[in-house]
Amino acid sequence: MPWTTFSRLLNRHPVRPPDSGISRRKSLWENIHLDPWLLGLLLLLMSSGLLVLYSASGQHAEMVRGQALRFGVALAVMAVLAQFPPGTFLRWAPLAYGVGVAMLLAVELVGDIGMGAQRWLEIPGVIRFQPSEMMKLATPLMVAAYLSRTGMPPRLRHLLVSALIIGAPVVLIAMQPDLGTSILVATAALIVVLLAGLSWRLIGFFLLVLGAALPLLWMNLQNYQRQRVLTFLNPESDPLGAGWNIIQSTTAIGSGGVWGKGWFEGTQSQLEFLPERHTDFIIAVLGEEFGLVGMTALLALYVIIVCRGLWLAAGAQDTFGRLVAGSIILTFFIYVFVNVGMVSGILPVVGVPLPLISFGGTSSVTLLAGFGILMSVHAHRRLLPR
């Protein structure tokens, strides 16, 4: 389906029901501006994540409690953001974007180094976080705020300004280095541009430019990033080194069969053959212990969440709301696709966690903050006059 057609679907307005002359009392969910179906699905997903994490962490109860606390904070952030009308986010977008870029610059100057990368800021005794996670939301918000004021579809000069908005945080994140997050930030913002009604002609032109730039991009990759791409093409070339992660994850998934080996019974994960089993490769733990049935159930849950999110996004009544809501839910889908793809060996390993399943605090807050904005767009819509 062309992006212009998809954007028209998101551009539809809800039909005004006949005037019955009787004012309808708002339900509890309408009063608190939360969508009960989406909230229930997210709670089910987070509960599944805690279940898998308990096994993936070697039955580390403290890690699970910490993750549950982070989910609680993320849910509170989601509920708070859902109370604000979309116009508030339109006004806040430049400030959030500017603060995010400033924090990325601070990471380059005084950021903490861990696992060979400089990605974190720390307030001693208070919090340690990754500013790049914030940009997954701030960048598409800023692009949507800009394009919503320019008229649809965007003209070439608007696309150039959008490219500058996207490029600044993407380059700073790539310098940390964090290729996976930089790609996700760029993708989230580019979805906004596509939903704005970009023509197929321009899409084809930009794809050609990207293809021509691939050799230059390859030359500027870090050695370990090049190795990831080469390993993706042939993981058996270095089975005990760079290919270890992909080989062990695909072995774990395959050994689970249809029904799985059972909770806590996975050999690849429990015997610590599987790397990063509580973060990026956690779905391999689920595949080994719960088999094809468990993985299918989880992926079906993700699909239902995406469908519900698209339904909510389609009800947005203004350009900014449509662009932001569409970007949030489609980016969520891409997170899932990239993680499952890299763990199953059909995409290179780029360090993308599985949404609301992998261990992590900042990413959970960012994801549920996005869902809070999505619920805000839906909850604050108004019936249009005839």
Protein backbone atom coordinates (compact mmCIF):
# COMPACT_ATOMS: atom_id res chain seq x y z
CA MET A 1 0.00 0.00 0.00
CA PRO A 2 1.52 3.39 -0.96
CA TRP A 3 2.38 5.65 1.95
CA THR A 4 0.10 8.34 0.55
CA THR A 5 -2.83 5.92 0.68
CA PHE A 6 -1.95 4.87 4.21
CA SER A 7 -1.74 8.50 5.28
CA ARG A 8 -5.24 9.06 3.87
CA LEU A 9 -6.49 6.18 6.03
CA LEU A 10 -4.99 7.89 9.07
CA ASN A 11 -6.60 11.12 7.87
CA ARG A 12 -10.16 9.92 8.22
CA HIS A 13 -12.44 11.55 10.78
CA PRO A 14 -14.82 9.73 13.10
CA VAL A 15 -18.44 9.88 12.08
CA ARG A 16 -20.67 12.04 14.26
CA PRO A 17 -23.39 9.86 15.74
CA PRO A 18 -27.02 10.95 15.46
CA ASP A 19 -28.11 13.43 18.12
CA SER A 20 -30.28 11.45 20.47
CA GLY A 21 -30.96 14.42 22.74
CA ILE A 22 -29.61 12.48 25.70
CA SER A 23 -26.19 13.28 27.10
CA ARG A 24 -24.17 10.14 27.68
CA ARG A 25 -22.25 9.73 30.93
CA LYS A 26 -18.57 9.16 30.41
CA SER A 27 -17.14 5.84 31.50
CA LEU A 28 -14.30 5.56 34.01
CA TRP A 29 -11.82 4.90 31.19
CA GLU A 30 -12.95 7.99 29.30
CA ASN A 31 -12.54 10.09 32.43
CA ILE A 32 -8.98 8.92 33.01
CA HIS A 33 -8.15 9.06 29.26
CA LEU A 34 -6.87 5.49 29.03
CA ASP A 35 -7.85 2.87 26.49
CA PRO A 36 -8.79 -0.27 28.48
CA TRP A 37 -8.11 -2.69 25.62
CA LEU A 38 -4.64 -1.37 24.88
CA LEU A 39 -3.83 -1.09 28.59
CA GLY A 40 -4.91 -4.70 29.18
CA LEU A 41 -2.81 -5.95 26.28
CA LEU A 42 0.25 -4.05 27.53
CA LEU A 43 -0.19 -5.43 31.06
CA LEU A 44 -0.41 -8.95 29.63
CA LEU A 45 2.77 -8.33 27.62
CA MET A 46 4.65 -7.00 30.66
CA SER A 47 3.49 -9.93 32.80
CA SER A 48 4.80 -12.32 30.15
CA GLY A 49 8.08 -10.41 30.16
CA LEU A 50 8.51 -10.85 33.92
CA LEU A 51 7.76 -14.55 33.59
CA VAL A 52 10.44 -15.06 30.92
CA LEU A 53 12.90 -12.75 32.69
CA TYR A 54 12.72 -14.83 35.87
CA SER A 55 14.00 -17.83 33.96
CA ALA A 56 16.40 -15.89 31.71
CA SER A 57 18.05 -14.24 34.75
CA GLY A 58 18.69 -17.59 36.43
CA GLN A 59 15.70 -17.14 38.79
CA HIS A 60 17.11 -13.84 40.03
CA ALA A 61 14.13 -12.53 42.03
CA GLU A 62 15.74 -9.15 42.73
CA MET A 63 16.16 -8.47 39.00
CA VAL A 64 12.50 -9.31 38.39
CA ARG A 65 11.36 -7.06 41.25
CA GLY A 66 13.47 -4.24 39.85
CA GLN A 67 11.95 -4.72 36.42
CA ALA A 68 8.44 -4.76 37.90
CA LEU A 69 9.22 -1.47 39.68
CA ARG A 70 10.42 0.03 36.40
CA PHE A 71 7.20 -1.11 34.72
CA GLY A 72 5.25 0.61 37.50
CA VAL A 73 7.11 3.88 36.90
CA ALA A 74 6.59 3.53 33.13
CA LEU A 75 2.85 2.92 33.60
CA ALA A 76 2.62 6.02 35.81
CA VAL A 77 4.37 8.08 33.11
CA MET A 78 1.95 6.69 30.50
CA ALA A 79 -1.09 7.55 32.63
CA VAL A 80 0.16 11.10 33.29
CA LEU A 81 0.96 11.82 29.63
CA ALA A 82 -2.46 10.53 28.55
CA GLN A 83 -4.08 13.36 30.53
CA PHE A 84 -2.54 16.10 28.37
CA PRO A 85 -4.17 17.06 25.06
CA PRO A 86 -2.08 16.57 21.90
CA GLY A 87 -1.62 20.35 21.61
CA THR A 88 0.54 20.21 24.72
CA PHE A 89 2.97 17.81 23.05
CA LEU A 90 2.99 20.03 19.99
CA ARG A 91 4.19 22.91 22.17
CA TRP A 92 6.62 20.76 24.17
CA ALA A 93 8.24 19.09 21.16
CA PRO A 94 10.94 21.75 20.52
CA LEU A 95 11.88 21.84 24.22
CA ALA A 96 12.07 18.04 24.51
CA TYR A 97 14.12 17.85 21.33
CA GLY A 98 16.51 20.60 22.44
CA VAL A 99 17.02 19.07 25.89
CA GLY A 100 17.62 15.67 24.29
CA VAL A 101 20.27 16.98 21.89
CA ALA A 102 21.93 18.86 24.78
CA MET A 103 22.08 15.64 26.81
CA LEU A 104 23.59 13.77 23.86
CA LEU A 105 26.29 16.43 23.70
CA ALA A 106 26.82 15.99 27.45
CA VAL A 107 27.27 12.25 26.89
CA GLU A 108 30.13 13.01 24.50
CA LEU A 109 31.78 15.22 27.13
CA VAL A 110 31.12 13.59 30.51
CA GLY A 111 29.16 10.41 29.78
CA ASP A 112 29.81 7.12 31.56
CA ILE A 113 31.57 4.39 29.61
CA GLY A 114 30.32 0.82 29.75
CA MET A 115 30.94 -2.22 27.54
CA GLY A 116 33.19 -0.13 25.28
CA ALA A 117 30.60 2.58 24.57
CA GLN A 118 29.93 6.02 26.02
CA ARG A 119 26.14 6.12 26.19
CA TRP A 120 25.06 6.96 29.74
CA LEU A 121 24.60 10.00 31.94
CA GLU A 122 24.62 9.51 35.69
CA ILE A 123 23.35 11.63 38.54
CA PRO A 124 25.34 10.10 41.45
CA GLY A 125 23.10 8.25 43.85
CA VAL A 126 19.95 9.11 41.88
CA ILE A 127 19.77 7.68 38.34
CA ARG A 128 21.81 6.40 35.42
CA PHE A 129 20.11 6.62 32.03
CA GLN A 130 20.63 6.72 28.27
CA PRO A 131 19.59 10.05 26.69
CA SER A 132 19.45 8.29 23.32
CA GLU A 133 16.30 6.48 24.48
CA MET A 134 14.57 9.82 24.96
CA MET A 135 15.33 10.75 21.35
CA LYS A 136 13.30 7.77 20.10
CA LEU A 137 10.29 9.85 21.11
CA ALA A 138 11.55 13.45 21.01
CA THR A 139 12.82 13.27 17.41
CA PRO A 140 9.57 12.07 15.76
CA LEU A 141 7.63 14.55 17.94
CA MET A 142 9.80 17.38 16.65
CA VAL A 143 9.49 16.29 13.01
CA ALA A 144 5.70 15.92 13.39
CA ALA A 145 5.45 19.35 15.02
CA TYR A 146 7.38 20.90 12.15
CA LEU A 147 5.60 19.13 9.29
CA SER A 148 2.14 19.71 10.80
CA ARG A 149 2.70 23.45 10.32
CA THR A 150 3.95 23.25 6.72
CA GLY A 151 1.00 21.65 4.97
CA MET A 152 0.71 18.20 3.40
CA PRO A 153 2.41 16.75 1.47
CA PRO A 154 5.78 18.25 2.46
CA ARG A 155 7.80 20.09 -0.15
CA LEU A 156 11.49 19.57 -0.83
CA ARG A 157 12.61 22.40 1.47
CA HIS A 158 10.50 20.94 4.28
CA LEU A 159 12.13 17.56 3.72
CA LEU A 160 15.59 19.13 3.93
CA VAL A 161 14.76 20.78 7.24
CA SER A 162 13.33 17.48 8.49
CA ALA A 163 16.57 15.76 7.46
CA LEU A 164 18.54 18.23 9.58
CA ILE A 165 16.24 17.65 12.56
CA ILE A 166 16.72 13.90 12.21
CA GLY A 167 20.42 14.00 11.39
CA ALA A 168 21.64 15.85 14.49
CA PRO A 169 20.62 13.25 17.13
CA VAL A 170 21.30 10.31 14.80
CA VAL A 171 24.92 11.39 14.24
CA LEU A 172 25.49 12.05 17.96
CA ILE A 173 24.08 8.63 18.90
CA ALA A 174 26.13 6.88 16.20
CA MET A 175 29.27 8.50 17.65
CA GLN A 176 28.75 6.85 21.06
CA PRO A 177 28.81 4.34 19.22
CA ASP A 178 25.28 2.94 19.20
CA LEU A 179 24.34 2.01 15.66
CA GLY A 180 21.16 0.15 16.64
CA THR A 181 19.61 3.05 18.54
CA SER A 182 20.65 5.58 15.89
CA ILE A 183 18.87 3.49 13.24
CA LEU A 184 15.74 3.25 15.39
CA VAL A 185 15.66 7.00 16.06
CA ALA A 186 16.04 7.69 12.34
CA THR A 187 13.35 5.13 11.50
CA ALA A 188 10.84 6.59 13.97
CA ALA A 189 11.30 10.06 12.49
CA LEU A 190 11.28 8.85 8.88
CA ILE A 191 7.94 7.14 9.48
CA VAL A 192 6.54 10.59 10.33
CA VAL A 193 7.84 11.89 6.99
CA LEU A 194 6.33 8.95 5.11
CA LEU A 195 2.95 9.36 6.82
CA ALA A 196 2.98 13.02 5.86
CA GLY A 197 2.27 11.91 2.28
CA LEU A 198 5.67 11.43 0.67
CA SER A 199 5.25 10.39 -2.97
CA TRP A 200 6.62 7.15 -4.38
CA ARG A 201 8.82 9.18 -6.72
CA LEU A 202 10.60 10.85 -3.81
CA ILE A 203 10.79 7.57 -1.91
CA GLY A 204 12.49 5.96 -4.91
CA PHE A 205 14.89 8.89 -5.23
CA PHE A 206 15.92 8.71 -1.58
CA LEU A 207 16.39 4.94 -1.81
CA LEU A 208 18.74 5.46 -4.76
CA VAL A 209 20.69 8.08 -2.79
CA LEU A 210 20.91 5.69 0.17
CA GLY A 211 22.12 2.89 -2.08
CA ALA A 212 24.80 5.13 -3.56
CA ALA A 213 25.90 6.16 -0.05
CA LEU A 214 26.25 2.58 1.26
CA PRO A 215 29.97 2.29 0.40
CA LEU A 216 30.64 5.51 2.31
CA LEU A 217 28.60 4.28 5.26
CA TRP A 218 30.50 0.99 5.22
CA MET A 219 33.84 2.81 5.34
CA ASN A 220 32.73 4.78 8.41
CA LEU A 221 31.48 1.80 10.42
CA GLN A 222 33.42 0.63 13.46
CA ASN A 223 35.31 -2.65 13.02
CA TYR A 224 32.92 -4.54 15.31
CA GLN A 225 29.94 -3.17 13.34
CA ARG A 226 31.40 -4.42 10.06
CA GLN A 227 32.05 -7.77 11.70
CA ARG A 228 28.38 -8.00 12.69
CA VAL A 229 27.31 -7.60 9.08
CA LEU A 230 29.86 -10.15 7.84
CA THR A 231 28.86 -12.56 10.59
CA PHE A 232 25.21 -12.19 9.61
CA LEU A 233 26.11 -13.28 6.08
CA ASN A 234 28.14 -16.27 7.32
CA PRO A 235 27.97 -16.93 11.10
CA GLU A 236 29.89 -20.22 10.71
CA SER A 237 32.99 -18.30 9.63
CA ASP A 238 33.75 -17.55 13.30
CA PRO A 239 31.61 -19.91 15.40
CA LEU A 240 33.50 -19.31 18.65
CA GLY A 241 33.81 -15.55 18.18
CA ALA A 242 31.60 -13.14 16.29
CA GLY A 243 29.21 -15.87 15.15
CA TRP A 244 28.64 -17.24 18.66
CA ASN A 245 25.56 -15.11 19.45
CA ILE A 246 23.60 -15.99 16.31
CA ILE A 247 24.54 -19.68 16.43
CA GLN A 248 23.52 -20.06 20.08
CA SER A 249 20.26 -18.13 19.68
CA THR A 250 19.14 -20.10 16.62
CA THR A 251 20.16 -23.34 18.36
CA ALA A 252 18.09 -22.40 21.41
CA ILE A 253 15.02 -21.54 19.33
CA GLY A 254 15.31 -24.68 17.22
CA SER A 255 15.84 -26.99 20.19
CA GLY A 256 12.56 -25.83 21.75
CA GLY A 257 10.54 -27.63 19.09
CA VAL A 258 6.78 -27.16 19.11
CA TRP A 259 6.01 -27.23 22.83
CA GLY A 260 9.36 -26.27 24.33
CA LYS A 261 11.47 -27.89 27.04
CA GLY A 262 9.58 -26.30 29.91
CA TRP A 263 10.08 -23.33 32.23
CA PHE A 264 13.64 -23.28 33.68
CA GLU A 265 14.50 -26.33 31.53
CA GLY A 266 16.31 -24.62 28.65
CA THR A 267 19.89 -25.85 28.37
CA GLN A 268 21.27 -23.04 26.20
CA SER A 269 20.05 -20.37 28.60
CA GLN A 270 20.37 -22.08 31.98
CA LEU A 271 23.88 -23.33 31.21
CA GLU A 272 24.80 -19.82 30.00
CA PHE A 273 25.65 -20.71 26.42
CA LEU A 274 23.22 -18.02 25.25
CA PRO A 275 24.68 -14.48 25.55
CA GLU A 276 22.65 -11.45 26.67
CA ARG A 277 19.85 -13.84 27.48
CA HIS A 278 17.97 -11.37 29.71
CA THR A 279 18.22 -8.44 27.27
CA ASP A 280 18.58 -8.58 23.48
CA PHE A 281 18.30 -12.38 23.13
CA ILE A 282 15.52 -13.02 25.61
CA ILE A 283 13.11 -14.31 22.95
CA ALA A 284 15.52 -17.20 22.35
CA VAL A 285 14.95 -18.20 25.99
CA LEU A 286 11.21 -18.12 25.40
CA GLY A 287 11.60 -20.16 22.21
CA GLU A 288 13.66 -22.83 23.93
CA GLU A 289 11.44 -23.16 26.99
CA PHE A 290 7.97 -22.61 25.46
CA GLY A 291 8.64 -23.68 21.87
CA LEU A 292 6.86 -22.62 18.71
CA VAL A 293 3.56 -22.34 20.60
CA GLY A 294 5.00 -19.83 23.07
CA MET A 295 6.70 -17.72 20.40
CA THR A 296 3.56 -17.70 18.25
CA ALA A 297 1.46 -16.59 21.21
CA LEU A 298 3.87 -13.75 22.00
CA LEU A 299 4.05 -12.57 18.39
CA ALA A 300 0.24 -12.74 18.15
CA LEU A 301 0.03 -10.51 21.22
CA TYR A 302 2.35 -8.01 19.56
CA VAL A 303 0.24 -8.05 16.38
CA ILE A 304 -2.95 -7.40 18.36
CA ILE A 305 -1.29 -4.47 20.15
CA VAL A 306 -0.17 -3.00 16.82
CA CYS A 307 -3.64 -3.41 15.32
CA ARG A 308 -5.26 -1.74 18.32
CA GLY A 309 -2.72 1.08 18.13
CA LEU A 310 -3.39 1.64 14.43
CA TRP A 311 -7.13 1.74 15.14
CA LEU A 312 -6.58 4.44 17.77
CA ALA A 313 -4.23 6.36 15.46
CA ALA A 314 -6.81 6.30 12.66
CA GLY A 315 -9.20 8.29 14.86
CA ALA A 316 -6.87 11.27 15.24
CA GLN A 317 -8.45 14.51 14.05
CA ASP A 318 -5.46 16.78 13.41
CA THR A 319 -2.28 16.43 11.39
CA PHE A 320 0.08 16.42 14.37
CA GLY A 321 -1.92 13.75 16.19
CA ARG A 322 -2.10 11.52 13.11
CA LEU A 323 1.63 11.76 12.42
CA VAL A 324 2.68 11.15 16.02
CA ALA A 325 0.23 8.33 16.72
CA GLY A 326 1.05 6.54 13.47
CA SER A 327 4.78 6.86 14.09
CA ILE A 328 4.55 5.56 17.67
CA ILE A 329 2.74 2.35 16.84
CA LEU A 330 4.62 1.60 13.60
CA THR A 331 7.95 2.18 15.34
CA PHE A 332 6.85 -0.26 18.06
CA PHE A 333 6.24 -2.83 15.32
CA ILE A 334 9.70 -2.21 13.86
CA TYR A 335 11.34 -2.74 17.28
CA VAL A 336 9.69 -6.16 17.47
CA PHE A 337 10.55 -7.05 13.87
CA VAL A 338 14.22 -6.07 14.22
CA ASN A 339 14.74 -7.92 17.51
CA VAL A 340 13.07 -11.12 16.35
CA GLY A 341 14.88 -10.87 13.02
CA MET A 342 18.34 -10.51 14.54
CA VAL A 343 17.81 -13.27 17.12
CA SER A 344 16.52 -15.68 14.47
CA GLY A 345 19.40 -14.85 12.11
CA ILE A 346 17.54 -13.04 9.32
CA LEU A 347 18.93 -9.59 10.28
CA PRO A 348 22.36 -8.48 11.57
CA VAL A 349 22.75 -8.12 15.34
CA VAL A 350 22.28 -4.42 16.13
CA GLY A 351 21.49 -4.46 19.85
CA VAL A 352 17.72 -3.82 19.86
CA PRO A 353 15.81 -5.07 22.95
CA LEU A 354 12.46 -6.83 22.66
CA PRO A 355 9.81 -4.27 23.72
CA LEU A 356 8.53 -4.76 27.29
CA ILE A 357 10.09 -8.23 27.48
CA SER A 358 13.84 -7.52 27.63
CA PHE A 359 15.34 -6.25 30.89
CA GLY A 360 15.72 -2.46 30.92
CA GLY A 361 14.29 0.64 32.53
CA THR A 362 14.79 3.59 30.20
CA SER A 363 13.47 1.74 27.17
CA SER A 364 10.31 0.68 29.05
CA VAL A 365 9.61 4.25 30.14
CA THR A 366 10.12 5.53 26.60
CA LEU A 367 7.83 2.89 25.09
CA LEU A 368 4.98 3.45 27.55
CA ALA A 369 5.41 7.22 27.31
CA GLY A 370 4.75 6.79 23.60
CA PHE A 371 1.64 4.75 24.32
CA GLY A 372 0.52 7.48 26.73
CA ILE A 373 0.75 10.03 23.91
CA LEU A 374 -1.12 7.62 21.61
CA MET A 375 -3.93 7.30 24.19
CA SER A 376 -3.97 11.08 24.58
CA VAL A 377 -4.52 11.52 20.84
CA HIS A 378 -7.45 9.10 20.99
CA ALA A 379 -8.98 10.30 24.26
CA HIS A 380 -8.98 14.01 23.41
CA ARG A 381 -10.59 13.71 20.00
CA ARG A 382 -13.83 15.62 19.60
CA LEU A 383 -16.90 15.01 17.48
CA LEU A 384 -16.84 17.20 14.41
CA PRO A 385 -19.88 19.29 13.46
CA ARG A 386 -22.02 18.15 10.59
